[in-house]
Structure formats: C-alpha cells, structure tokens
Amino acid sequence: MKRSMFVLLSLLVIAALSACAPQGTPTPSVAELQAIAMSNAQTQIALTAASIPTATLLPPTAMPTPIPVQPTVIVQQPVVAPPTQPAVIVPAAVAPGASGNNGAAVEDNECGGLLSAVEGPQADVTFNNTTDGDLSLYLYSYKTEFGCGVGNISLEPLESVTISVPKGCYDFYGWVTGSKDSTPAGYGCLNFDQTVTVKKDTLVFPGQKK
C-alpha cells in the first residue's frame, strides 16, 4: 500500500514539474526543412560562381599572309626536224685523178662537162647493182685525146643496166640507200665491153678479185 502511494505521489510531482517547465522548441515541418535546404544551396552556388576567375579572351589568331606564287614560265623547245638523207652532189671542180690509183693531178674545170659530150671510141658497159638499196653511181673520166667529163646512172635494187661510155679510165663514187646506207667507190678502166659489179662499198671489174 505504501508502495502504491509512493508511485502515485511521484507521478503527481512529475506532472506538476512538467506543467511549470518552459515549453520546448517546436519541431519544423518537412516543407520548412526543404525551403531552408534550397536557400542554403542557392547561397552556396552563388559563392562558388563568385570564386571562379573570369576567363580572359585570347587575341584572335593572325591569319598567315599568302605568299605570291610566281607563274611558271614554260619554255617551248624548238622543234628539231629529223635528219634527212644527204643529197649526192657532183663536185663541179672535181676532175678525174682526184682519187685514182695512178696519182694523176686534179684538172680544174676542164673535165667538169657532161660525159655524153665526149667524142671518141665507146665501150658498152653493164653495171650490176647487187645491193638491196637504190644506187646512184657517178663516173669521173680521166682526160684522153678526146676529152673527159662526168656522168651518172641510177639503178634499183638488184637491177642491171647497160650504157655506152667513152673508152678510158674512171673514178667511181656511189650512194646506196636501203636497209643500211653505204657509199661504194672504186677505180677502173673501161676499154672494152664488160660487166661491172657494184657492191655496198666497192666496185668489181673483170679480172679483179671479188
């Protein structure tokens, strides 16, 4: 019984003390807590932004100055014509004996006339072109009692031709145009009817080794 009374008295004392004690701090609502947090966050963002240094603008990059390009000068090469076959020219001042085996002297223009104009005995001579090219053959006669002169004949490849010439001794010079050009030359006497063989670089007369 005494114990019950003690408990009851203790409860009454506690109740009286609670009534006389100052009121506690009211607990804030959830909405108030959110408003406070938002305000603190905005303040923190403002302080952070203020602490960031202002970016300094870089000066514009200078564009490179274009280097003037000099125009290329095109030098046109001269057009070179292909080499042509040299023309066979009869020397006007060449007379028989210039290249003969007997060493006869050159006679100015005395033997520069046509061979067909020389009178005296004639010999029928057949010239045989044994080359595979066109032949142009020149005859330079030595001076005889009937005179002297210059003549020429033309023969196709492997062609033969017979002509009459004044009897006498001659220098011969020719030009062959074919697969391989050549210049037949030689010396011989035409004092009788005979056949002269023309090769690529020489002439063969009867009785002479081929």
Protein backbone atom coordinates (compact mmCIF):
# COMPACT_ATOMS: atom_id res chain seq x y z
CA MET A 1 0.00 0.00 0.00
CA LYS A 2 2.80 2.32 0.90
CA ARG A 3 4.48 1.46 -2.36
CA SER A 4 1.42 2.37 -4.41
CA MET A 5 1.09 5.67 -2.66
CA PHE A 6 4.74 6.43 -3.34
CA VAL A 7 4.31 5.78 -7.04
CA LEU A 8 1.21 7.91 -7.19
CA LEU A 9 2.93 10.76 -5.40
CA SER A 10 5.86 10.52 -7.77
CA LEU A 11 3.61 10.78 -10.80
CA LEU A 12 1.92 13.83 -9.38
CA VAL A 13 5.25 15.52 -8.74
CA ILE A 14 6.40 14.79 -12.25
CA ALA A 15 3.17 16.17 -13.71
CA ALA A 16 3.46 19.35 -11.65
CA LEU A 17 7.03 19.87 -12.72
CA SER A 18 6.12 19.35 -16.35
CA ALA A 19 3.45 21.98 -16.14
CA CYS A 20 5.79 24.52 -14.65
CA ALA A 21 8.69 23.84 -17.02
CA PRO A 22 9.23 26.12 -20.06
CA GLN A 23 7.79 24.94 -23.41
CA GLY A 24 10.29 23.09 -25.77
CA THR A 25 11.35 24.23 -29.23
CA PRO A 26 8.72 23.26 -31.80
CA THR A 27 9.88 20.72 -34.45
CA PRO A 28 9.97 22.29 -38.07
CA SER A 29 7.81 20.75 -40.73
CA VAL A 30 9.13 18.96 -43.85
CA ALA A 31 8.22 21.92 -46.09
CA GLU A 32 10.18 24.28 -43.89
CA LEU A 33 13.23 21.98 -43.96
CA GLN A 34 13.09 21.84 -47.81
CA ALA A 35 12.89 25.63 -48.06
CA ILE A 36 15.88 26.01 -45.77
CA ALA A 37 17.93 23.48 -47.79
CA MET A 38 17.06 25.19 -51.10
CA SER A 39 18.09 28.58 -49.70
CA ASN A 40 21.41 27.18 -48.46
CA ALA A 41 22.06 25.50 -51.85
CA GLN A 42 21.41 28.73 -53.79
CA THR A 43 23.72 30.62 -51.47
CA GLN A 44 26.46 28.02 -51.96
CA ILE A 45 26.06 28.16 -55.77
CA ALA A 46 26.36 31.95 -55.73
CA LEU A 47 29.51 31.83 -53.62
CA THR A 48 31.09 29.16 -55.89
CA ALA A 49 30.34 31.18 -59.03
CA ALA A 50 31.87 34.27 -57.49
CA SER A 51 35.07 32.40 -56.69
CA ILE A 52 35.59 31.25 -60.33
CA PRO A 53 38.08 33.60 -62.10
CA THR A 54 36.78 35.42 -65.14
CA ALA A 55 38.04 33.84 -68.38
CA THR A 56 40.36 36.15 -70.33
CA LEU A 57 39.57 36.31 -74.03
CA LEU A 58 42.52 35.33 -76.23
CA PRO A 59 43.51 37.67 -79.04
CA PRO A 60 42.38 36.48 -82.45
CA THR A 61 44.90 34.26 -84.24
CA ALA A 62 46.63 36.15 -87.03
CA MET A 63 45.98 34.63 -90.43
CA PRO A 64 49.16 33.79 -92.38
CA THR A 65 50.00 36.23 -95.15
CA PRO A 66 49.63 34.44 -98.50
CA ILE A 67 52.93 34.10 -100.39
CA PRO A 68 52.52 35.23 -104.00
CA VAL A 69 53.20 32.39 -106.41
CA GLN A 70 55.25 33.31 -109.41
CA PRO A 71 53.77 31.96 -112.67
CA THR A 72 55.74 29.07 -114.12
CA VAL A 73 57.41 30.04 -117.37
CA ILE A 74 57.06 27.25 -119.93
CA VAL A 75 59.95 27.28 -122.36
CA GLN A 76 58.94 25.77 -125.63
CA GLN A 77 61.64 23.55 -127.00
CA PRO A 78 62.47 24.16 -130.65
CA VAL A 79 61.18 21.53 -132.97
CA VAL A 80 64.10 19.68 -134.47
CA ALA A 81 63.46 18.18 -137.85
CA PRO A 82 64.55 14.57 -138.30
CA PRO A 83 67.79 14.09 -140.18
CA THR A 84 67.34 13.64 -143.88
CA GLN A 85 69.38 11.67 -146.31
CA PRO A 86 72.24 13.77 -147.63
CA ALA A 87 71.88 14.57 -151.27
CA VAL A 88 74.52 13.26 -153.60
CA ILE A 89 76.14 16.26 -155.19
CA VAL A 90 78.55 16.08 -158.05
CA PRO A 91 81.53 18.34 -157.23
CA ALA A 92 81.74 20.91 -160.01
CA ALA A 93 85.51 21.31 -159.72
CA VAL A 94 86.42 17.63 -159.23
CA ALA A 95 88.20 16.07 -162.17
CA PRO A 96 89.45 12.53 -162.78
CA GLY A 97 92.64 11.68 -160.94
CA ALA A 98 91.47 13.07 -157.58
CA SER A 99 91.24 9.57 -156.06
CA GLY A 100 92.71 7.35 -158.78
CA ASN A 101 95.42 4.80 -158.23
CA ASN A 102 97.82 6.45 -160.70
CA GLY A 103 98.08 9.71 -158.75
CA ALA A 104 97.04 11.94 -161.66
CA ALA A 105 96.62 15.63 -160.76
CA VAL A 106 93.26 17.33 -160.46
CA GLU A 107 92.37 19.35 -163.51
CA ASP A 108 90.35 22.46 -162.59
CA ASN A 109 87.10 22.59 -164.55
CA GLU A 110 88.39 21.07 -167.76
CA CYS A 111 86.68 17.71 -167.04
CA GLY A 112 83.55 19.13 -165.41
CA GLY A 113 81.40 18.79 -168.54
CA LEU A 114 78.98 16.01 -169.42
CA LEU A 115 80.46 12.61 -170.22
CA SER A 116 77.95 12.19 -173.05
CA ALA A 117 79.56 15.16 -174.86
CA VAL A 118 82.94 13.41 -175.08
CA GLU A 119 83.68 12.03 -178.57
CA GLY A 120 85.86 9.04 -179.47
CA PRO A 121 85.53 5.25 -179.29
CA GLN A 122 82.84 3.84 -176.98
CA ALA A 123 82.54 0.71 -174.83
CA ASP A 124 79.26 -0.98 -173.81
CA VAL A 125 79.42 -1.50 -170.06
CA THR A 126 76.79 -3.31 -167.95
CA PHE A 127 76.53 -2.08 -164.36
CA ASN A 128 75.04 -4.65 -161.97
CA ASN A 129 73.63 -3.41 -158.62
CA THR A 130 73.98 -6.33 -156.18
CA THR A 131 72.77 -4.37 -153.12
CA ASP A 132 69.26 -4.26 -151.65
CA GLY A 133 69.08 -0.47 -151.97
CA ASP A 134 68.68 2.16 -154.66
CA LEU A 135 72.02 3.04 -156.27
CA SER A 136 73.12 6.39 -157.65
CA LEU A 137 76.56 5.96 -159.31
CA TYR A 138 78.80 8.74 -160.60
CA LEU A 139 81.58 8.30 -163.20
CA TYR A 140 84.56 10.69 -163.45
CA SER A 141 86.67 10.07 -166.55
CA TYR A 142 90.37 10.82 -166.88
CA LYS A 143 91.40 13.08 -169.75
CA THR A 144 92.15 11.41 -173.07
CA GLU A 145 92.89 12.80 -176.50
CA PHE A 146 89.10 13.05 -176.95
CA GLY A 147 88.43 14.86 -173.70
CA CYS A 148 86.89 13.96 -170.33
CA GLY A 149 83.69 14.51 -168.33
CA VAL A 150 81.29 13.42 -165.61
CA GLY A 151 78.23 11.11 -165.83
CA ASN A 152 75.89 9.20 -163.56
CA ILE A 153 73.42 6.30 -163.62
CA SER A 154 70.64 5.20 -161.25
CA LEU A 155 69.75 1.57 -160.52
CA GLU A 156 67.09 -0.04 -158.35
CA PRO A 157 67.95 -2.93 -156.00
CA LEU A 158 69.40 -5.93 -157.90
CA GLU A 159 68.92 -4.11 -161.22
CA SER A 160 71.36 -4.13 -164.17
CA VAL A 161 71.70 -1.55 -166.91
CA THR A 162 73.95 -1.30 -169.98
CA ILE A 163 75.26 2.05 -171.25
CA SER A 164 77.88 3.27 -173.74
CA VAL A 165 80.76 5.30 -172.30
CA PRO A 166 83.92 6.76 -173.81
CA LYS A 167 86.81 4.33 -173.51
CA GLY A 168 89.18 5.36 -170.75
CA CYS A 169 89.86 5.11 -167.04
CA TYR A 170 87.42 6.32 -164.38
CA ASP A 171 86.94 7.11 -160.74
CA PHE A 172 83.58 5.86 -159.40
CA TYR A 173 81.57 7.08 -156.44
CA GLY A 174 78.08 5.96 -155.46
CA TRP A 175 75.39 6.22 -152.80
CA VAL A 176 73.21 3.26 -151.78
CA THR A 177 70.01 3.90 -149.78
CA GLY A 178 68.39 0.79 -148.30
CA SER A 179 68.28 -1.19 -145.07
CA LYS A 180 71.78 0.14 -144.44
CA ASP A 181 73.18 3.09 -146.38
CA SER A 182 76.61 2.75 -147.94
CA THR A 183 78.96 4.53 -150.34
CA PRO A 184 80.61 2.25 -152.92
CA ALA A 185 83.71 3.70 -154.57
CA GLY A 186 86.49 2.48 -156.83
CA TYR A 187 88.76 2.93 -159.85
CA GLY A 188 88.82 1.08 -163.15
CA CYS A 189 89.39 1.33 -166.89
CA LEU A 190 86.55 0.74 -169.36
CA ASN A 191 88.42 -0.01 -172.58
CA PHE A 192 86.21 -2.91 -173.73
CA ASP A 193 82.68 -4.27 -173.34
CA GLN A 194 82.35 -5.67 -169.85
CA THR A 195 80.20 -6.04 -166.70
CA VAL A 196 80.98 -4.02 -163.58
CA THR A 197 79.57 -5.38 -160.30
CA VAL A 198 78.59 -2.77 -157.73
CA LYS A 199 78.66 -3.92 -154.09
CA LYS A 200 77.74 -1.99 -150.96
CA ASP A 201 81.17 -0.35 -150.61
CA THR A 202 83.19 -1.20 -153.72
CA LEU A 203 83.06 -1.99 -157.46
CA VAL A 204 84.43 -5.16 -159.07
CA PHE A 205 85.82 -5.10 -162.60
CA PRO A 206 86.64 -8.10 -164.89
CA GLY A 207 89.95 -9.70 -163.96
CA GLN A 208 89.86 -8.13 -160.49
CA LYS A 209 89.38 -10.31 -157.41
CA LYS A 210 85.84 -10.24 -156.00
